[in-house]
């Protein structure tokens, strides 16, 4: 498995359009793929710097709908790494992103917890 890597992480969302609008329109992610598969779509978005991409998966049925915004059981489940925390924190706030806390310094870097519009908790982080 020397060439193995995590390429995608599924993010369960209520519907495709608001998720694309947020991740692409507000955060500046790239829309990598949007393929109609009949009753569902294969929608992949990726942050501008590359790395692991998100597969936006529309919730189907009560169990998946209940998981929207709580895929990590209330913990931070996703980590958006930046090379300029102050720049990206300011841009995200200007785009209407909700931060749960002010930025803080940790031994590993500068971090602040934020939420996407669906309730998922993320870290914006600049490593030292």
C-alpha atoms as a PDB file:
ATOM      1  CA  UNK A   1       0.000   0.000   0.000  1.00  0.00           C
ATOM      2  CA  UNK A   2       2.868   2.418  -0.466  1.00  0.00           C
ATOM      3  CA  UNK A   3       0.858   4.475  -2.975  1.00  0.00           C
ATOM      4  CA  UNK A   4      -2.389   4.530  -0.953  1.00  0.00           C
ATOM      5  CA  UNK A   5      -3.860   7.844   0.152  1.00  0.00           C
ATOM      6  CA  UNK A   6      -7.197   9.144   1.350  1.00  0.00           C
ATOM      7  CA  UNK A   7      -8.682  10.856  -1.701  1.00  0.00           C
ATOM      8  CA  UNK A   8     -12.237  11.653  -0.603  1.00  0.00           C
ATOM      9  CA  UNK A   9     -14.253  12.013   2.561  1.00  0.00           C
ATOM     10  CA  UNK A  10     -18.044  11.803   2.280  1.00  0.00           C
ATOM     11  CA  UNK A  11     -19.908  14.714   3.811  1.00  0.00           C
ATOM     12  CA  UNK A  12     -23.632  14.080   4.198  1.00  0.00           C
ATOM     13  CA  UNK A  13     -25.575  17.235   3.304  1.00  0.00           C
ATOM     14  CA  UNK A  14     -29.297  18.012   3.072  1.00  0.00           C
ATOM     15  CA  UNK A  15     -29.068  18.763  -0.668  1.00  0.00           C
ATOM     16  CA  UNK A  16     -26.455  19.408  -3.332  1.00  0.00           C
ATOM     17  CA  UNK A  17     -27.200  23.030  -4.290  1.00  0.00           C
ATOM     18  CA  UNK A  18     -26.748  24.661  -0.849  1.00  0.00           C
ATOM     19  CA  UNK A  19     -23.614  22.594  -0.218  1.00  0.00           C
ATOM     20  CA  UNK A  20     -22.073  23.599  -3.549  1.00  0.00           C
ATOM     21  CA  UNK A  21     -23.077  27.215  -2.950  1.00  0.00           C
ATOM     22  CA  UNK A  22     -21.333  27.209   0.430  1.00  0.00           C
ATOM     23  CA  UNK A  23     -18.157  25.260  -0.329  1.00  0.00           C
ATOM     24  CA  UNK A  24     -17.591  26.619  -3.838  1.00  0.00           C
ATOM     25  CA  UNK A  25     -19.343  29.995  -3.710  1.00  0.00           C
ATOM     26  CA  UNK A  26     -18.325  31.130  -0.217  1.00  0.00           C
ATOM     27  CA  UNK A  27     -15.168  29.184   0.639  1.00  0.00           C
ATOM     28  CA  UNK A  28     -13.627  29.091  -2.821  1.00  0.00           C
ATOM     29  CA  UNK A  29     -13.368  25.323  -3.146  1.00  0.00           C
ATOM     30  CA  UNK A  30     -13.182  23.971  -6.707  1.00  0.00           C
ATOM     31  CA  UNK A  31     -16.075  21.973  -8.106  1.00  0.00           C
ATOM     32  CA  UNK A  32     -14.089  18.952  -9.297  1.00  0.00           C
ATOM     33  CA  UNK A  33     -16.962  16.760 -10.488  1.00  0.00           C
ATOM     34  CA  UNK A  34     -20.741  16.937 -10.691  1.00  0.00           C
ATOM     35  CA  UNK A  35     -22.062  13.831 -12.416  1.00  0.00           C
ATOM     36  CA  UNK A  36     -25.770  13.043 -12.590  1.00  0.00           C
ATOM     37  CA  UNK A  37     -26.378   9.397 -11.700  1.00  0.00           C
ATOM     38  CA  UNK A  38     -30.155   9.415 -11.919  1.00  0.00           C
ATOM     39  CA  UNK A  39     -31.554   9.599  -8.396  1.00  0.00           C
ATOM     40  CA  UNK A  40     -28.265  10.939  -6.984  1.00  0.00           C
ATOM     41  CA  UNK A  41     -25.176  12.821  -8.100  1.00  0.00           C
ATOM     42  CA  UNK A  42     -21.418  12.358  -7.710  1.00  0.00           C
ATOM     43  CA  UNK A  43     -20.374  15.793  -6.450  1.00  0.00           C
ATOM     44  CA  UNK A  44     -16.755  16.372  -5.466  1.00  0.00           C
ATOM     45  CA  UNK A  45     -15.354  19.662  -4.163  1.00  0.00           C
ATOM     46  CA  UNK A  46     -11.760  20.377  -3.178  1.00  0.00           C
ATOM     47  CA  UNK A  47     -10.040  23.192  -1.311  1.00  0.00           C
ATOM     48  CA  UNK A  48      -7.933  25.499  -3.502  1.00  0.00           C
ATOM     49  CA  UNK A  49      -4.657  24.149  -2.098  1.00  0.00           C
ATOM     50  CA  UNK A  50      -5.475  20.529  -2.929  1.00  0.00           C
ATOM     51  CA  UNK A  51      -5.325  17.584  -0.584  1.00  0.00           C
ATOM     52  CA  UNK A  52      -8.270  15.435   0.396  1.00  0.00           C
ATOM     53  CA  UNK A  53     -11.523  16.369  -1.352  1.00  0.00           C
ATOM     54  CA  UNK A  54     -15.128  16.149  -0.156  1.00  0.00           C
ATOM     55  CA  UNK A  55     -17.766  13.954  -1.740  1.00  0.00           C
ATOM     56  CA  UNK A  56     -21.018  15.820  -1.094  1.00  0.00           C
ATOM     57  CA  UNK A  57     -23.577  13.091  -0.436  1.00  0.00           C
ATOM     58  CA  UNK A  58     -27.236  14.073  -0.250  1.00  0.00           C
ATOM     59  CA  UNK A  59     -28.909  12.491   2.773  1.00  0.00           C
ATOM     60  CA  UNK A  60     -31.374   9.744   1.928  1.00  0.00           C
ATOM     61  CA  UNK A  61     -33.768   8.534   4.610  1.00  0.00           C
ATOM     62  CA  UNK A  62     -34.202   9.371   8.276  1.00  0.00           C
ATOM     63  CA  UNK A  63     -30.899   7.918   9.542  1.00  0.00           C
ATOM     64  CA  UNK A  64     -28.770   9.906   7.084  1.00  0.00           C
ATOM     65  CA  UNK A  65     -30.888  13.030   7.545  1.00  0.00           C
ATOM     66  CA  UNK A  66     -30.291  12.770  11.310  1.00  0.00           C
ATOM     67  CA  UNK A  67     -26.520  12.586  10.685  1.00  0.00           C
ATOM     68  CA  UNK A  68     -26.371  15.880   8.763  1.00  0.00           C
ATOM     69  CA  UNK A  69     -24.270  18.256  10.819  1.00  0.00           C
ATOM     70  CA  UNK A  70     -23.361  15.637  13.389  1.00  0.00           C
ATOM     71  CA  UNK A  71     -21.212  13.149  11.523  1.00  0.00           C
ATOM     72  CA  UNK A  72     -18.498  13.327  14.176  1.00  0.00           C
ATOM     73  CA  UNK A  73     -20.845  13.086  17.173  1.00  0.00           C
ATOM     74  CA  UNK A  74     -20.482  16.768  18.089  1.00  0.00           C
ATOM     75  CA  UNK A  75     -16.691  16.828  17.815  1.00  0.00           C
ATOM     76  CA  UNK A  76     -14.647  18.648  15.234  1.00  0.00           C
ATOM     77  CA  UNK A  77     -14.579  16.185  12.384  1.00  0.00           C
ATOM     78  CA  UNK A  78     -12.921  18.170   9.599  1.00  0.00           C
ATOM     79  CA  UNK A  79      -9.746  20.241   9.427  1.00  0.00           C
ATOM     80  CA  UNK A  80      -9.099  22.996   6.891  1.00  0.00           C
ATOM     81  CA  UNK A  81      -5.388  23.810   6.844  1.00  0.00           C
ATOM     82  CA  UNK A  82      -4.256  27.258   5.752  1.00  0.00           C
ATOM     83  CA  UNK A  83      -0.904  28.902   5.137  1.00  0.00           C
ATOM     84  CA  UNK A  84      -2.239  32.274   6.380  1.00  0.00           C
ATOM     85  CA  UNK A  85      -4.675  32.001   9.268  1.00  0.00           C
ATOM     86  CA  UNK A  86      -5.411  35.728   9.599  1.00  0.00           C
ATOM     87  CA  UNK A  87      -6.198  36.119   5.895  1.00  0.00           C
ATOM     88  CA  UNK A  88      -8.483  33.103   5.675  1.00  0.00           C
ATOM     89  CA  UNK A  89     -10.177  33.720   9.025  1.00  0.00           C
ATOM     90  CA  UNK A  90     -11.047  37.274   7.912  1.00  0.00           C
ATOM     91  CA  UNK A  91     -12.255  36.085   4.489  1.00  0.00           C
ATOM     92  CA  UNK A  92     -14.403  33.367   6.011  1.00  0.00           C
ATOM     93  CA  UNK A  93     -15.969  35.784   8.500  1.00  0.00           C
ATOM     94  CA  UNK A  94     -16.662  38.239   5.662  1.00  0.00           C
ATOM     95  CA  UNK A  95     -18.377  35.381   3.773  1.00  0.00           C
ATOM     96  CA  UNK A  96     -20.669  34.794   6.760  1.00  0.00           C
ATOM     97  CA  UNK A  97     -19.005  31.689   8.209  1.00  0.00           C
ATOM     98  CA  UNK A  98     -19.910  31.149  11.876  1.00  0.00           C
ATOM     99  CA  UNK A  99     -16.977  30.661  14.237  1.00  0.00           C
ATOM    100  CA  UNK A 100     -17.681  29.029  17.605  1.00  0.00           C
ATOM    101  CA  UNK A 101     -14.706  30.723  19.248  1.00  0.00           C
ATOM    102  CA  UNK A 102     -12.040  33.336  18.702  1.00  0.00           C
ATOM    103  CA  UNK A 103      -8.689  32.172  17.305  1.00  0.00           C
ATOM    104  CA  UNK A 104      -6.389  30.566  19.837  1.00  0.00           C
ATOM    105  CA  UNK A 105      -2.754  29.523  19.946  1.00  0.00           C
ATOM    106  CA  UNK A 106      -1.961  25.877  20.567  1.00  0.00           C
ATOM    107  CA  UNK A 107       1.443  24.158  20.646  1.00  0.00           C
ATOM    108  CA  UNK A 108       0.822  22.911  17.088  1.00  0.00           C
ATOM    109  CA  UNK A 109      -0.451  26.203  15.619  1.00  0.00           C
ATOM    110  CA  UNK A 110      -3.250  28.761  15.386  1.00  0.00           C
ATOM    111  CA  UNK A 111      -6.774  27.360  15.336  1.00  0.00           C
ATOM    112  CA  UNK A 112     -10.450  28.301  15.557  1.00  0.00           C
ATOM    113  CA  UNK A 113     -13.539  26.107  15.387  1.00  0.00           C
ATOM    114  CA  UNK A 114     -16.185  27.004  12.802  1.00  0.00           C
ATOM    115  CA  UNK A 115     -19.372  25.442  11.489  1.00  0.00           C
ATOM    116  CA  UNK A 116     -20.622  24.927   7.986  1.00  0.00           C
ATOM    117  CA  UNK A 117     -24.282  25.868   7.391  1.00  0.00           C
ATOM    118  CA  UNK A 118     -25.303  22.261   8.062  1.00  0.00           C
ATOM    119  CA  UNK A 119     -23.788  22.160  11.575  1.00  0.00           C
ATOM    120  CA  UNK A 120     -20.549  20.251  10.932  1.00  0.00           C
ATOM    121  CA  UNK A 121     -17.717  21.431  13.146  1.00  0.00           C
ATOM    122  CA  UNK A 122     -14.407  22.244  11.469  1.00  0.00           C
ATOM    123  CA  UNK A 123     -11.027  23.575  12.566  1.00  0.00           C
ATOM    124  CA  UNK A 124      -9.397  26.325  10.550  1.00  0.00           C
ATOM    125  CA  UNK A 125      -5.759  25.679  11.348  1.00  0.00           C
ATOM    126  CA  UNK A 126      -2.346  27.033  10.488  1.00  0.00           C
ATOM    127  CA  UNK A 127       0.350  24.653  11.688  1.00  0.00           C
ATOM    128  CA  UNK A 128       3.622  25.989  13.025  1.00  0.00           C
END
